[in-house]
């Protein structure tokens, strides 16, 4: 894992527990709730992809990819790591709001997982059922090239 995912994961956990008892200062660069949800969702997606990449690529290559992808994500939202951290801390300081945001992110992740599962079933299983053998040993996600 890289520093972004570890720190954000710990931040999400700790902010839900400790910050719900104290008032967190409004960030100077306040992101919308929807934008923070999107960034958190994308971070989880990047983390999931990284876990798959660790199975096939050297850790230094995966870490470099994660850092570049995180930096691209932050650049797309015109923020940096510190701004994202402040905003997550701010929005997750309210326990009810944190739960609602995390539920929304989790639901999106589950939808993405279901979509990928359907894609795999449509691509891999029909070939196996019709011919009795796999036509390709690559999963659909590997065919991005």
Protein backbone atom coordinates (compact mmCIF):
# COMPACT_ATOMS: atom_id res chain seq x y z
CA UNK A 1 0.00 0.00 0.00
CA UNK A 2 1.16 3.52 -0.48
CA UNK A 3 1.09 6.47 1.84
CA UNK A 4 -2.06 7.96 0.29
CA UNK A 5 -4.27 4.96 0.87
CA UNK A 6 -2.90 4.15 4.32
CA UNK A 7 -3.24 7.73 5.53
CA UNK A 8 -6.71 8.22 4.02
CA UNK A 9 -7.92 4.90 5.41
CA UNK A 10 -6.67 5.79 8.88
CA UNK A 11 -8.08 9.28 8.52
CA UNK A 12 -11.51 7.94 7.62
CA UNK A 13 -11.51 5.58 10.58
CA UNK A 14 -10.15 8.08 13.10
CA UNK A 15 -12.27 10.99 11.93
CA UNK A 16 -15.42 8.95 12.34
CA UNK A 17 -14.44 8.07 15.89
CA UNK A 18 -12.54 11.00 17.35
CA UNK A 19 -13.68 13.99 15.32
CA UNK A 20 -17.33 13.38 15.98
CA UNK A 21 -16.68 14.73 19.47
CA UNK A 22 -14.97 17.95 18.48
CA UNK A 23 -15.66 20.83 16.11
CA UNK A 24 -13.46 20.70 13.01
CA UNK A 25 -12.51 23.96 11.35
CA UNK A 26 -13.96 24.60 7.89
CA UNK A 27 -11.23 24.14 5.25
CA UNK A 28 -10.05 27.23 3.40
CA UNK A 29 -10.59 25.35 0.11
CA UNK A 30 -13.96 23.73 0.78
CA UNK A 31 -14.91 21.00 -1.67
CA UNK A 32 -18.55 20.03 -2.15
CA UNK A 33 -19.83 16.92 -0.42
CA UNK A 34 -20.35 15.26 -3.79
CA UNK A 35 -16.78 16.06 -4.82
CA UNK A 36 -15.36 14.59 -1.61
CA UNK A 37 -17.48 11.46 -2.11
CA UNK A 38 -16.17 11.19 -5.68
CA UNK A 39 -12.55 11.53 -4.56
CA UNK A 40 -12.98 8.95 -1.79
CA UNK A 41 -14.67 6.59 -4.26
CA UNK A 42 -11.85 7.02 -6.78
CA UNK A 43 -9.25 6.41 -4.06
CA UNK A 44 -10.91 3.09 -3.22
CA UNK A 45 -11.01 2.15 -6.92
CA UNK A 46 -7.32 3.01 -7.31
CA UNK A 47 -6.52 0.96 -4.21
CA UNK A 48 -8.44 -2.02 -5.60
CA UNK A 49 -6.68 -1.81 -8.94
CA UNK A 50 -3.33 -1.54 -7.16
CA UNK A 51 -4.02 -4.74 -5.24
CA UNK A 52 -4.55 -6.55 -8.53
CA UNK A 53 -1.43 -5.00 -10.04
CA UNK A 54 0.70 -6.18 -7.09
CA UNK A 55 0.03 -9.74 -8.25
CA UNK A 56 1.75 -9.19 -11.60
CA UNK A 57 4.11 -6.22 -11.31
CA UNK A 58 6.98 -5.22 -9.04
CA UNK A 59 5.94 -3.15 -6.03
CA UNK A 60 8.01 -0.16 -7.17
CA UNK A 61 6.11 -0.07 -10.47
CA UNK A 62 2.76 -0.30 -8.70
CA UNK A 63 3.69 2.41 -6.18
CA UNK A 64 4.75 4.70 -9.00
CA UNK A 65 1.47 4.03 -10.82
CA UNK A 66 -0.56 4.71 -7.66
CA UNK A 67 1.27 7.98 -7.00
CA UNK A 68 0.80 9.14 -10.59
CA UNK A 69 -2.86 8.13 -10.57
CA UNK A 70 -3.52 9.85 -7.22
CA UNK A 71 -1.80 13.00 -8.44
CA UNK A 72 -3.94 12.91 -11.60
CA UNK A 73 -7.07 12.49 -9.49
CA UNK A 74 -6.14 15.45 -7.31
CA UNK A 75 -5.24 17.56 -10.35
CA UNK A 76 -8.61 16.76 -11.96
CA UNK A 77 -10.30 18.24 -8.89
CA UNK A 78 -7.81 21.11 -8.68
CA UNK A 79 -6.70 20.11 -5.18
CA UNK A 80 -3.72 18.54 -3.48
CA UNK A 81 -3.35 15.88 -0.82
CA UNK A 82 -3.56 18.38 2.07
CA UNK A 83 -6.81 19.88 0.75
CA UNK A 84 -8.37 16.45 0.31
CA UNK A 85 -7.29 15.44 3.81
CA UNK A 86 -8.78 18.63 5.33
CA UNK A 87 -12.06 18.16 3.49
CA UNK A 88 -12.39 14.51 4.45
CA UNK A 89 -11.67 15.45 8.04
CA UNK A 90 -14.26 18.24 7.87
CA UNK A 91 -17.07 16.22 6.31
CA UNK A 92 -16.38 13.11 8.36
CA UNK A 93 -16.38 15.05 11.65
CA UNK A 94 -20.17 14.68 11.77
CA UNK A 95 -20.88 11.01 12.45
CA UNK A 96 -24.26 10.95 10.68
CA UNK A 97 -22.86 12.71 7.63
CA UNK A 98 -19.80 10.44 7.60
CA UNK A 99 -22.02 7.37 7.69
CA UNK A 100 -24.19 8.68 4.83
CA UNK A 101 -21.16 9.55 2.70
CA UNK A 102 -19.45 6.23 3.35
CA UNK A 103 -22.69 4.36 2.57
CA UNK A 104 -22.95 6.21 -0.76
CA UNK A 105 -19.33 5.37 -1.60
CA UNK A 106 -19.81 1.72 -0.59
CA UNK A 107 -22.95 1.44 -2.74
CA UNK A 108 -21.08 2.80 -5.75
CA UNK A 109 -18.26 0.34 -5.16
CA UNK A 110 -20.73 -2.54 -4.96
CA UNK A 111 -22.35 -1.39 -8.22
CA UNK A 112 -18.94 -1.27 -9.90
CA UNK A 113 -18.14 -4.75 -8.60
CA UNK A 114 -21.44 -6.10 -9.96
CA UNK A 115 -20.78 -4.44 -13.32
CA UNK A 116 -17.32 -6.01 -13.55
CA UNK A 117 -18.71 -9.41 -12.54
CA UNK A 118 -21.32 -9.22 -15.31
CA UNK A 119 -18.60 -8.24 -17.78
CA UNK A 120 -16.48 -11.23 -16.77
CA UNK A 121 -19.45 -13.60 -17.02
CA UNK A 122 -20.38 -12.31 -20.48
CA UNK A 123 -16.81 -12.53 -21.73
CA UNK A 124 -15.27 -15.61 -20.14
CA UNK A 125 -18.10 -18.00 -19.32
CA UNK A 126 -19.90 -18.17 -22.71
CA UNK A 127 -16.68 -19.25 -24.40
CA UNK A 128 -16.17 -21.94 -21.78
CA UNK A 129 -19.76 -23.19 -22.00
CA UNK A 130 -19.91 -23.27 -25.82
CA UNK A 131 -16.51 -24.78 -26.59
CA UNK A 132 -15.65 -26.50 -23.36
CA UNK A 133 -12.42 -24.52 -23.06
CA UNK A 134 -11.38 -20.96 -22.44
CA UNK A 135 -10.83 -18.84 -25.53
CA UNK A 136 -8.63 -16.39 -23.68
CA UNK A 137 -6.79 -16.43 -20.41
CA UNK A 138 -7.08 -12.64 -20.07
CA UNK A 139 -9.87 -11.04 -18.10
CA UNK A 140 -11.73 -8.12 -19.72
CA UNK A 141 -10.01 -5.58 -17.50
CA UNK A 142 -6.62 -6.67 -18.81
CA UNK A 143 -7.61 -5.81 -22.37
CA UNK A 144 -7.35 -2.04 -21.76
CA UNK A 145 -4.35 -1.75 -24.08
